[in-house]
């Protein structure tokens, strides 16, 4: 048999096991991300609180709305919903027919 370097048996006979070298003592210390994430969460919460406080508009004096137009009713509904309901009740009492009035067309229609 030839001892050819490409022969597998030649390589197996040349193999000498040895112990692995110890790990190097120098290692990189990894920093925790928890303080960074906690700081980011506090900053986001602070920005949300500031945004909510800034977004509140100062109280606008409510003007009396006597006509059923879209502009004044919309601004009244956004600023004061209770005054909006009162304005709608006042406007409907003036503009809608009274169903209990004697001799009205609605009373005539209600008769069987």
C-alpha atoms as a PDB file:
ATOM      1  CA  UNK A   1       0.000   0.000   0.000  1.00  0.00           C
ATOM      2  CA  UNK A   2       1.079   3.477  -0.796  1.00  0.00           C
ATOM      3  CA  UNK A   3       1.106   6.260   1.719  1.00  0.00           C
ATOM      4  CA  UNK A   4      -0.568   8.862  -0.410  1.00  0.00           C
ATOM      5  CA  UNK A   5      -1.516  12.147   1.358  1.00  0.00           C
ATOM      6  CA  UNK A   6      -4.946  11.920  -0.292  1.00  0.00           C
ATOM      7  CA  UNK A   7      -5.547   8.482   1.216  1.00  0.00           C
ATOM      8  CA  UNK A   8      -8.087   8.559   4.065  1.00  0.00           C
ATOM      9  CA  UNK A   9      -6.339   5.896   6.125  1.00  0.00           C
ATOM     10  CA  UNK A  10      -3.099   7.884   5.947  1.00  0.00           C
ATOM     11  CA  UNK A  11      -4.895  10.910   7.369  1.00  0.00           C
ATOM     12  CA  UNK A  12      -6.558   8.882  10.123  1.00  0.00           C
ATOM     13  CA  UNK A  13      -3.197   7.432  11.233  1.00  0.00           C
ATOM     14  CA  UNK A  14      -1.682  10.925  11.295  1.00  0.00           C
ATOM     15  CA  UNK A  15      -4.482  12.236  13.565  1.00  0.00           C
ATOM     16  CA  UNK A  16      -3.411  12.935  17.148  1.00  0.00           C
ATOM     17  CA  UNK A  17      -6.154  14.033  19.567  1.00  0.00           C
ATOM     18  CA  UNK A  18      -5.351  16.876  21.943  1.00  0.00           C
ATOM     19  CA  UNK A  19      -7.137  18.848  24.609  1.00  0.00           C
ATOM     20  CA  UNK A  20      -8.938  22.027  23.598  1.00  0.00           C
ATOM     21  CA  UNK A  21      -7.376  25.305  24.621  1.00  0.00           C
ATOM     22  CA  UNK A  22      -9.044  27.212  27.466  1.00  0.00           C
ATOM     23  CA  UNK A  23     -11.401  30.045  26.621  1.00  0.00           C
ATOM     24  CA  UNK A  24      -9.861  33.504  26.632  1.00  0.00           C
ATOM     25  CA  UNK A  25     -10.444  35.392  29.866  1.00  0.00           C
ATOM     26  CA  UNK A  26     -11.179  38.642  28.099  1.00  0.00           C
ATOM     27  CA  UNK A  27     -14.859  38.984  27.274  1.00  0.00           C
ATOM     28  CA  UNK A  28     -17.073  41.925  26.405  1.00  0.00           C
ATOM     29  CA  UNK A  29     -19.572  42.982  29.039  1.00  0.00           C
ATOM     30  CA  UNK A  30     -23.007  43.504  27.478  1.00  0.00           C
ATOM     31  CA  UNK A  31     -25.078  46.299  28.923  1.00  0.00           C
ATOM     32  CA  UNK A  32     -28.710  45.801  29.733  1.00  0.00           C
ATOM     33  CA  UNK A  33     -31.271  47.648  27.618  1.00  0.00           C
ATOM     34  CA  UNK A  34     -33.804  47.887  30.439  1.00  0.00           C
ATOM     35  CA  UNK A  35     -32.769  51.400  31.615  1.00  0.00           C
ATOM     36  CA  UNK A  36     -32.952  52.700  28.044  1.00  0.00           C
ATOM     37  CA  UNK A  37     -36.385  51.154  27.470  1.00  0.00           C
ATOM     38  CA  UNK A  38     -37.650  52.467  30.794  1.00  0.00           C
ATOM     39  CA  UNK A  39     -36.415  55.975  29.967  1.00  0.00           C
ATOM     40  CA  UNK A  40     -38.046  55.800  26.534  1.00  0.00           C
ATOM     41  CA  UNK A  41     -41.366  54.675  28.047  1.00  0.00           C
ATOM     42  CA  UNK A  42     -41.331  57.529  30.573  1.00  0.00           C
ATOM     43  CA  UNK A  43     -40.534  60.033  27.807  1.00  0.00           C
ATOM     44  CA  UNK A  44     -43.395  58.757  25.637  1.00  0.00           C
ATOM     45  CA  UNK A  45     -45.819  58.924  28.581  1.00  0.00           C
ATOM     46  CA  UNK A  46     -44.706  62.493  29.336  1.00  0.00           C
ATOM     47  CA  UNK A  47     -45.226  63.522  25.714  1.00  0.00           C
ATOM     48  CA  UNK A  48     -48.739  62.044  25.728  1.00  0.00           C
ATOM     49  CA  UNK A  49     -49.645  63.905  28.924  1.00  0.00           C
ATOM     50  CA  UNK A  50     -48.294  67.178  27.522  1.00  0.00           C
ATOM     51  CA  UNK A  51     -50.134  66.657  24.227  1.00  0.00           C
ATOM     52  CA  UNK A  52     -53.416  66.032  26.038  1.00  0.00           C
ATOM     53  CA  UNK A  53     -52.993  69.135  28.183  1.00  0.00           C
ATOM     54  CA  UNK A  54     -52.110  71.339  25.209  1.00  0.00           C
ATOM     55  CA  UNK A  55     -54.979  69.962  23.112  1.00  0.00           C
ATOM     56  CA  UNK A  56     -57.612  71.151  25.549  1.00  0.00           C
ATOM     57  CA  UNK A  57     -59.048  74.375  24.314  1.00  0.00           C
ATOM     58  CA  UNK A  58     -60.019  77.184  26.673  1.00  0.00           C
ATOM     59  CA  UNK A  59     -63.719  77.545  27.346  1.00  0.00           C
ATOM     60  CA  UNK A  60     -65.343  79.613  24.618  1.00  0.00           C
ATOM     61  CA  UNK A  61     -68.321  81.698  25.704  1.00  0.00           C
ATOM     62  CA  UNK A  62     -71.482  80.015  24.431  1.00  0.00           C
ATOM     63  CA  UNK A  63     -73.619  82.172  22.240  1.00  0.00           C
ATOM     64  CA  UNK A  64     -77.347  81.718  21.999  1.00  0.00           C
ATOM     65  CA  UNK A  65     -78.416  80.000  18.797  1.00  0.00           C
ATOM     66  CA  UNK A  66     -81.935  80.796  17.636  1.00  0.00           C
ATOM     67  CA  UNK A  67     -81.698  79.690  14.021  1.00  0.00           C
ATOM     68  CA  UNK A  68     -81.177  76.206  12.655  1.00  0.00           C
ATOM     69  CA  UNK A  69     -78.059  76.882  10.583  1.00  0.00           C
ATOM     70  CA  UNK A  70     -75.191  74.448  10.291  1.00  0.00           C
ATOM     71  CA  UNK A  71     -72.296  76.686  11.384  1.00  0.00           C
ATOM     72  CA  UNK A  72     -73.527  77.933  14.772  1.00  0.00           C
ATOM     73  CA  UNK A  73     -75.108  74.577  15.661  1.00  0.00           C
ATOM     74  CA  UNK A  74     -71.903  72.669  14.865  1.00  0.00           C
ATOM     75  CA  UNK A  75     -69.720  74.952  16.963  1.00  0.00           C
ATOM     76  CA  UNK A  76     -72.267  74.778  19.794  1.00  0.00           C
ATOM     77  CA  UNK A  77     -72.367  70.953  19.622  1.00  0.00           C
ATOM     78  CA  UNK A  78     -68.573  70.747  19.822  1.00  0.00           C
ATOM     79  CA  UNK A  79     -68.176  73.242  22.649  1.00  0.00           C
ATOM     80  CA  UNK A  80     -71.205  72.566  24.896  1.00  0.00           C
ATOM     81  CA  UNK A  81     -73.434  69.513  24.215  1.00  0.00           C
ATOM     82  CA  UNK A  82     -75.985  70.462  26.903  1.00  0.00           C
ATOM     83  CA  UNK A  83     -76.492  73.924  25.442  1.00  0.00           C
ATOM     84  CA  UNK A  84     -76.778  72.261  22.014  1.00  0.00           C
ATOM     85  CA  UNK A  85     -79.647  70.073  23.268  1.00  0.00           C
ATOM     86  CA  UNK A  86     -81.361  73.105  24.764  1.00  0.00           C
ATOM     87  CA  UNK A  87     -80.975  75.043  21.516  1.00  0.00           C
ATOM     88  CA  UNK A  88     -82.438  72.162  19.494  1.00  0.00           C
ATOM     89  CA  UNK A  89     -85.420  71.950  21.862  1.00  0.00           C
ATOM     90  CA  UNK A  90     -85.986  75.709  21.564  1.00  0.00           C
ATOM     91  CA  UNK A  91     -85.694  75.665  17.752  1.00  0.00           C
ATOM     92  CA  UNK A  92     -87.984  72.642  17.386  1.00  0.00           C
ATOM     93  CA  UNK A  93     -90.677  74.214  19.579  1.00  0.00           C
ATOM     94  CA  UNK A  94     -90.771  77.218  17.256  1.00  0.00           C
ATOM     95  CA  UNK A  95     -90.353  75.560  13.863  1.00  0.00           C
ATOM     96  CA  UNK A  96     -92.271  72.258  14.223  1.00  0.00           C
ATOM     97  CA  UNK A  97     -96.067  72.183  14.336  1.00  0.00           C
ATOM     98  CA  UNK A  98     -97.836  71.666  17.660  1.00  0.00           C
ATOM     99  CA  UNK A  99     -99.504  68.260  17.606  1.00  0.00           C
ATOM    100  CA  UNK A 100    -101.849  69.096  20.504  1.00  0.00           C
ATOM    101  CA  UNK A 101    -103.253  72.368  19.110  1.00  0.00           C
ATOM    102  CA  UNK A 102    -106.989  72.242  18.414  1.00  0.00           C
ATOM    103  CA  UNK A 103    -107.939  72.515  14.765  1.00  0.00           C
ATOM    104  CA  UNK A 104    -104.448  71.772  13.410  1.00  0.00           C
ATOM    105  CA  UNK A 105    -103.835  69.637  10.349  1.00  0.00           C
ATOM    106  CA  UNK A 106    -102.067  67.010  12.448  1.00  0.00           C
ATOM    107  CA  UNK A 107    -105.132  66.679  14.684  1.00  0.00           C
ATOM    108  CA  UNK A 108    -107.310  66.151  11.616  1.00  0.00           C
ATOM    109  CA  UNK A 109    -104.935  63.463  10.302  1.00  0.00           C
ATOM    110  CA  UNK A 110    -104.867  61.696  13.672  1.00  0.00           C
ATOM    111  CA  UNK A 111    -108.657  61.136  13.721  1.00  0.00           C
ATOM    112  CA  UNK A 112    -109.729  57.590  12.733  1.00  0.00           C
END
